[in-house]
Amino acid sequence: MMPVRPDPTSESEHTIGDWPGHRYTSGGGLVAGQLNTIAGAGATVTGGSGNTASGNFASVSGGAQNLASGGNASISGGGSNTASDLFSVSGGNNNTASGLFSTVSSGENNIASGLGARVSGGAGNTGGGRDMVIIGGQNVNDFIDFTIQPKAPFP
């Protein structure tokens, strides 16, 4: 790996990149890892491969094929995860946080689409209610506001 350096071929002198194949179209960002893209002002991708931070101040910390597409969206790692405006995905695979202030912490094929919805893990879970929490399990779907699922005994 080459040392971190300003890339004289970029459109912005304030973006730092360190690997051939990175793409960036907006300034004030940082791109590292391999074949990553930043397209929002102040966006960062600090590792992994094939990741994209396209929202302003969006970030992807690592993993592969992750997309932080909205302003202030954040993905910590994993693979094929998506986070839109003000949402975060901490890891796992193929998770989506699309509700305002929503979060998916881990697992796979989970969706947090409600305002402030949280899906902590498991597989195939969907949290669509406001300020609701799915703590895990499989194929738990909850669209009711202010709930915690699944209820004991756990599936």
Foldseek 3Di string as FASTA:
>chain_A
DADWDQDPVAPDSQEIEGEPQEEEHEHLEYEYAENEYEYADHEYECYEHCEYENAHVEYEDYEHNEYEHAHPEYEDYEECEYEYHLEYEDYEYNEYEADHVEYEDYEHCEYEHDANEYEDYEECEYHQDHNEYEDYDYNHYDNHHPYYDDDPPGD
